[in-house]
Amino acid sequence: MIAGMYLGELVRLIILDLIDNELIFVEEMKKTAYRYPLFTQGSFYTKYVNEIESDSHIKFTKTKRILKELAGIENPSYEDLIVVKHICCLVTKRSGKLTAAGLGVILRRMNRPEVTIAVDGSLFRYHPRLKLIINNTLRNLVSPENKVN
């Protein structure tokens, strides 16, 4: 699942763009030095996306820990936490749909009554929603007569 390799980096770049446009972490960025890992390519691992998406909307404990570790953000606003989670959800949804689109093209070409797709990797195994997104998208792309596992 090549699309999953870059989820963290896409989230990082979106967050940086929102920071640059002063749309999130406005007060926090006034206190934060730009030496933190968030400002380094490849520092926002895909596992962070998994953790943030599985985080509670009430406390955002995991999200706060990740933001403090990566960007030195001590007191993010509740709205900023919601935005970060939403970014992760959107990037995951995009990745799942792109993955399903590629698989869907292959499955339609194969046109077999039943196909099993084997997937390996921690992203697919541990992500809270990715499997569901891929399965739902595949159902819309492949004929109902074709059974896909």
C-alpha atoms as a PDB file:
ATOM      1  CA  MET A   1       0.000   0.000   0.000  1.00  0.00           C
ATOM      2  CA  ILE A   2       2.252   2.726  -1.300  1.00  0.00           C
ATOM      3  CA  ALA A   3      -0.283   5.473  -0.560  1.00  0.00           C
ATOM      4  CA  GLY A   4       0.136   4.833   3.164  1.00  0.00           C
ATOM      5  CA  MET A   5       3.845   5.588   3.163  1.00  0.00           C
ATOM      6  CA  TYR A   6       3.282   9.310   2.865  1.00  0.00           C
ATOM      7  CA  LEU A   7       0.268   9.922   5.080  1.00  0.00           C
ATOM      8  CA  GLY A   8       2.287  11.497   7.873  1.00  0.00           C
ATOM      9  CA  GLU A   9       4.216  13.728   5.512  1.00  0.00           C
ATOM     10  CA  LEU A  10       1.023  14.959   3.838  1.00  0.00           C
ATOM     11  CA  VAL A  11      -0.487  15.764   7.237  1.00  0.00           C
ATOM     12  CA  ARG A  12       2.711  17.574   8.251  1.00  0.00           C
ATOM     13  CA  LEU A  13       2.703  19.701   5.089  1.00  0.00           C
ATOM     14  CA  ILE A  14      -0.968  20.641   5.522  1.00  0.00           C
ATOM     15  CA  ILE A  15      -0.372  21.601   9.154  1.00  0.00           C
ATOM     16  CA  LEU A  16       2.635  23.731   8.150  1.00  0.00           C
ATOM     17  CA  ASP A  17       0.583  25.462   5.458  1.00  0.00           C
ATOM     18  CA  LEU A  18      -2.128  26.279   7.987  1.00  0.00           C
ATOM     19  CA  ILE A  19       0.517  27.547  10.420  1.00  0.00           C
ATOM     20  CA  ASP A  20       2.103  29.715   7.699  1.00  0.00           C
ATOM     21  CA  ASN A  21      -1.321  31.199   6.918  1.00  0.00           C
ATOM     22  CA  GLU A  22      -1.960  31.735  10.635  1.00  0.00           C
ATOM     23  CA  LEU A  23      -5.036  29.518  10.624  1.00  0.00           C
ATOM     24  CA  ILE A  24      -3.996  27.191  13.467  1.00  0.00           C
ATOM     25  CA  PHE A  25      -1.749  27.439  16.523  1.00  0.00           C
ATOM     26  CA  VAL A  26      -1.540  31.222  16.119  1.00  0.00           C
ATOM     27  CA  GLU A  27      -0.763  32.000  19.767  1.00  0.00           C
ATOM     28  CA  GLU A  28       1.357  28.878  20.257  1.00  0.00           C
ATOM     29  CA  MET A  29       3.581  29.662  17.267  1.00  0.00           C
ATOM     30  CA  LYS A  30       4.510  32.995  18.819  1.00  0.00           C
ATOM     31  CA  LYS A  31       6.108  31.039  21.681  1.00  0.00           C
ATOM     32  CA  THR A  32       7.492  28.097  19.669  1.00  0.00           C
ATOM     33  CA  ALA A  33      10.905  27.956  18.057  1.00  0.00           C
ATOM     34  CA  TYR A  34      10.991  26.516  14.557  1.00  0.00           C
ATOM     35  CA  ARG A  35      13.659  24.009  15.590  1.00  0.00           C
ATOM     36  CA  TYR A  36      11.136  21.304  16.497  1.00  0.00           C
ATOM     37  CA  PRO A  37      10.805  18.109  14.417  1.00  0.00           C
ATOM     38  CA  LEU A  38       7.511  19.237  12.854  1.00  0.00           C
ATOM     39  CA  PHE A  39       9.553  21.573  10.670  1.00  0.00           C
ATOM     40  CA  THR A  40      11.736  18.708   9.371  1.00  0.00           C
ATOM     41  CA  GLN A  41      10.719  16.551   6.428  1.00  0.00           C
ATOM     42  CA  GLY A  42       9.693  13.033   7.385  1.00  0.00           C
ATOM     43  CA  SER A  43       9.221  13.782  11.078  1.00  0.00           C
ATOM     44  CA  PHE A  44       5.458  13.236  11.192  1.00  0.00           C
ATOM     45  CA  TYR A  45       5.201   9.454  11.095  1.00  0.00           C
ATOM     46  CA  THR A  46       2.134   7.652   9.841  1.00  0.00           C
ATOM     47  CA  LYS A  47       1.739   6.102  13.288  1.00  0.00           C
ATOM     48  CA  TYR A  48       0.895   9.614  14.535  1.00  0.00           C
ATOM     49  CA  VAL A  49      -1.967   9.768  12.037  1.00  0.00           C
ATOM     50  CA  ASN A  50      -3.273   6.469  13.438  1.00  0.00           C
ATOM     51  CA  GLU A  51      -2.986   7.717  17.020  1.00  0.00           C
ATOM     52  CA  ILE A  52      -4.642  11.063  16.318  1.00  0.00           C
ATOM     53  CA  GLU A  53      -7.550   9.464  14.467  1.00  0.00           C
ATOM     54  CA  SER A  54      -8.170   7.051  17.334  1.00  0.00           C
ATOM     55  CA  ASP A  55      -7.944   9.835  19.922  1.00  0.00           C
ATOM     56  CA  SER A  56     -10.976  10.922  21.945  1.00  0.00           C
ATOM     57  CA  HIS A  57     -12.738  14.152  20.955  1.00  0.00           C
ATOM     58  CA  ILE A  58     -13.093  14.953  24.630  1.00  0.00           C
ATOM     59  CA  LYS A  59      -9.517  14.985  25.922  1.00  0.00           C
ATOM     60  CA  PHE A  60      -7.304  14.640  22.831  1.00  0.00           C
ATOM     61  CA  THR A  61      -4.600  13.153  25.066  1.00  0.00           C
ATOM     62  CA  LYS A  62      -2.623  11.483  22.251  1.00  0.00           C
ATOM     63  CA  THR A  63      -2.922  14.481  19.959  1.00  0.00           C
ATOM     64  CA  LYS A  64      -1.672  16.876  22.644  1.00  0.00           C
ATOM     65  CA  ARG A  65       1.302  14.589  23.374  1.00  0.00           C
ATOM     66  CA  ILE A  66       2.215  14.373  19.690  1.00  0.00           C
ATOM     67  CA  LEU A  67       1.946  18.141  19.166  1.00  0.00           C
ATOM     68  CA  LYS A  68       4.068  18.835  22.229  1.00  0.00           C
ATOM     69  CA  GLU A  69       6.705  16.333  21.110  1.00  0.00           C
ATOM     70  CA  LEU A  70       6.801  17.456  17.468  1.00  0.00           C
ATOM     71  CA  ALA A  71       6.192  21.181  17.710  1.00  0.00           C
ATOM     72  CA  GLY A  72       6.556  22.222  21.330  1.00  0.00           C
ATOM     73  CA  ILE A  73       2.897  23.188  21.393  1.00  0.00           C
ATOM     74  CA  GLU A  74       1.940  23.207  25.063  1.00  0.00           C
ATOM     75  CA  ASN A  75      -1.639  24.484  25.034  1.00  0.00           C
ATOM     76  CA  PRO A  76      -3.371  23.963  21.704  1.00  0.00           C
ATOM     77  CA  SER A  77      -6.919  25.243  21.495  1.00  0.00           C
ATOM     78  CA  TYR A  78      -9.740  22.744  21.287  1.00  0.00           C
ATOM     79  CA  GLU A  79     -10.506  24.045  17.773  1.00  0.00           C
ATOM     80  CA  ASP A  80      -6.889  23.455  16.684  1.00  0.00           C
ATOM     81  CA  LEU A  81      -7.060  19.883  17.987  1.00  0.00           C
ATOM     82  CA  ILE A  82     -10.243  19.280  16.012  1.00  0.00           C
ATOM     83  CA  VAL A  83      -8.583  20.695  12.886  1.00  0.00           C
ATOM     84  CA  VAL A  84      -5.542  18.412  13.276  1.00  0.00           C
ATOM     85  CA  LYS A  85      -7.786  15.368  13.693  1.00  0.00           C
ATOM     86  CA  HIS A  86      -9.866  16.432  10.692  1.00  0.00           C
ATOM     87  CA  ILE A  87      -6.721  16.783   8.571  1.00  0.00           C
ATOM     88  CA  CYS A  88      -5.673  13.246   9.526  1.00  0.00           C
ATOM     89  CA  CYS A  89      -9.136  11.903   8.691  1.00  0.00           C
ATOM     90  CA  LEU A  90      -9.195  13.607   5.288  1.00  0.00           C
ATOM     91  CA  VAL A  91      -5.705  12.443   4.328  1.00  0.00           C
ATOM     92  CA  THR A  92      -6.604   8.885   5.356  1.00  0.00           C
ATOM     93  CA  LYS A  93      -9.849   9.003   3.389  1.00  0.00           C
ATOM     94  CA  ARG A  94      -7.990  10.213   0.313  1.00  0.00           C
ATOM     95  CA  SER A  95      -5.375   7.478   0.693  1.00  0.00           C
ATOM     96  CA  GLY A  96      -7.996   4.761   1.111  1.00  0.00           C
ATOM     97  CA  LYS A  97      -9.962   5.929  -1.908  1.00  0.00           C
ATOM     98  CA  LEU A  98      -6.840   6.154  -4.083  1.00  0.00           C
ATOM     99  CA  THR A  99      -5.783   2.667  -3.005  1.00  0.00           C
ATOM    100  CA  ALA A 100      -9.262   1.307  -3.700  1.00  0.00           C
ATOM    101  CA  ALA A 101      -9.327   3.022  -7.097  1.00  0.00           C
ATOM    102  CA  GLY A 102      -6.166   1.225  -8.169  1.00  0.00           C
ATOM    103  CA  LEU A 103      -7.445  -2.093  -6.863  1.00  0.00           C
ATOM    104  CA  GLY A 104     -10.838  -1.494  -8.455  1.00  0.00           C
ATOM    105  CA  VAL A 105      -9.328  -1.057 -11.912  1.00  0.00           C
ATOM    106  CA  ILE A 106      -7.431  -4.336 -11.556  1.00  0.00           C
ATOM    107  CA  LEU A 107     -10.476  -6.194 -10.226  1.00  0.00           C
ATOM    108  CA  ARG A 108     -12.711  -4.937 -13.038  1.00  0.00           C
ATOM    109  CA  ARG A 109     -10.137  -6.087 -15.575  1.00  0.00           C
ATOM    110  CA  MET A 110      -9.874  -9.504 -13.923  1.00  0.00           C
ATOM    111  CA  ASN A 111     -13.672  -9.829 -13.831  1.00  0.00           C
ATOM    112  CA  ARG A 112     -13.622 -12.875 -11.575  1.00  0.00           C
ATOM    113  CA  PRO A 113     -16.631 -13.877  -9.480  1.00  0.00           C
ATOM    114  CA  GLU A 114     -14.573 -13.998  -6.290  1.00  0.00           C
ATOM    115  CA  VAL A 115     -11.211 -12.428  -5.419  1.00  0.00           C
ATOM    116  CA  THR A 116      -9.226 -12.258  -2.198  1.00  0.00           C
ATOM    117  CA  ILE A 117      -6.770  -9.416  -1.758  1.00  0.00           C
ATOM    118  CA  ALA A 118      -3.904  -9.996   0.669  1.00  0.00           C
ATOM    119  CA  VAL A 119      -2.602  -6.922   2.471  1.00  0.00           C
ATOM    120  CA  ASP A 120       0.408  -6.731   4.734  1.00  0.00           C
ATOM    121  CA  GLY A 121       1.635  -3.865   6.820  1.00  0.00           C
ATOM    122  CA  SER A 122       1.082  -2.042  10.045  1.00  0.00           C
ATOM    123  CA  LEU A 123      -0.866   0.831   8.461  1.00  0.00           C
ATOM    124  CA  PHE A 124      -3.622  -1.444   7.214  1.00  0.00           C
ATOM    125  CA  ARG A 125      -3.539  -3.568  10.357  1.00  0.00           C
ATOM    126  CA  TYR A 126      -3.564  -0.812  12.985  1.00  0.00           C
ATOM    127  CA  HIS A 127      -5.312   2.133  11.389  1.00  0.00           C
ATOM    128  CA  PRO A 128      -8.768   2.636  12.919  1.00  0.00           C
ATOM    129  CA  ARG A 129     -10.626   3.320   9.621  1.00  0.00           C
ATOM    130  CA  LEU A 130      -8.490   2.551   6.576  1.00  0.00           C
ATOM    131  CA  LYS A 131      -9.771  -0.981   5.948  1.00  0.00           C
ATOM    132  CA  LEU A 132     -13.376   0.225   6.128  1.00  0.00           C
ATOM    133  CA  ILE A 133     -12.707   3.086   3.693  1.00  0.00           C
ATOM    134  CA  ILE A 134     -11.042   0.757   1.177  1.00  0.00           C
ATOM    135  CA  ASN A 135     -13.799  -1.881   1.459  1.00  0.00           C
ATOM    136  CA  ASN A 136     -16.611   0.659   1.090  1.00  0.00           C
ATOM    137  CA  THR A 137     -14.964   2.309  -1.902  1.00  0.00           C
ATOM    138  CA  LEU A 138     -14.300  -1.050  -3.573  1.00  0.00           C
ATOM    139  CA  ARG A 139     -17.978  -1.988  -3.170  1.00  0.00           C
ATOM    140  CA  ASN A 140     -18.867   1.115  -5.189  1.00  0.00           C
ATOM    141  CA  LEU A 141     -16.260   0.450  -7.882  1.00  0.00           C
ATOM    142  CA  VAL A 142     -16.677  -3.270  -8.488  1.00  0.00           C
ATOM    143  CA  SER A 143     -19.787  -5.008  -9.778  1.00  0.00           C
ATOM    144  CA  PRO A 144     -22.026  -6.379  -7.024  1.00  0.00           C
ATOM    145  CA  GLU A 145     -21.732  -9.791  -8.695  1.00  0.00           C
ATOM    146  CA  ASN A 146     -18.022  -9.871  -7.895  1.00  0.00           C
ATOM    147  CA  LYS A 147     -17.228 -10.876  -4.317  1.00  0.00           C
ATOM    148  CA  VAL A 148     -14.115  -9.168  -2.922  1.00  0.00           C
ATOM    149  CA  ASN A 149     -12.463 -10.225   0.333  1.00  0.00           C
END
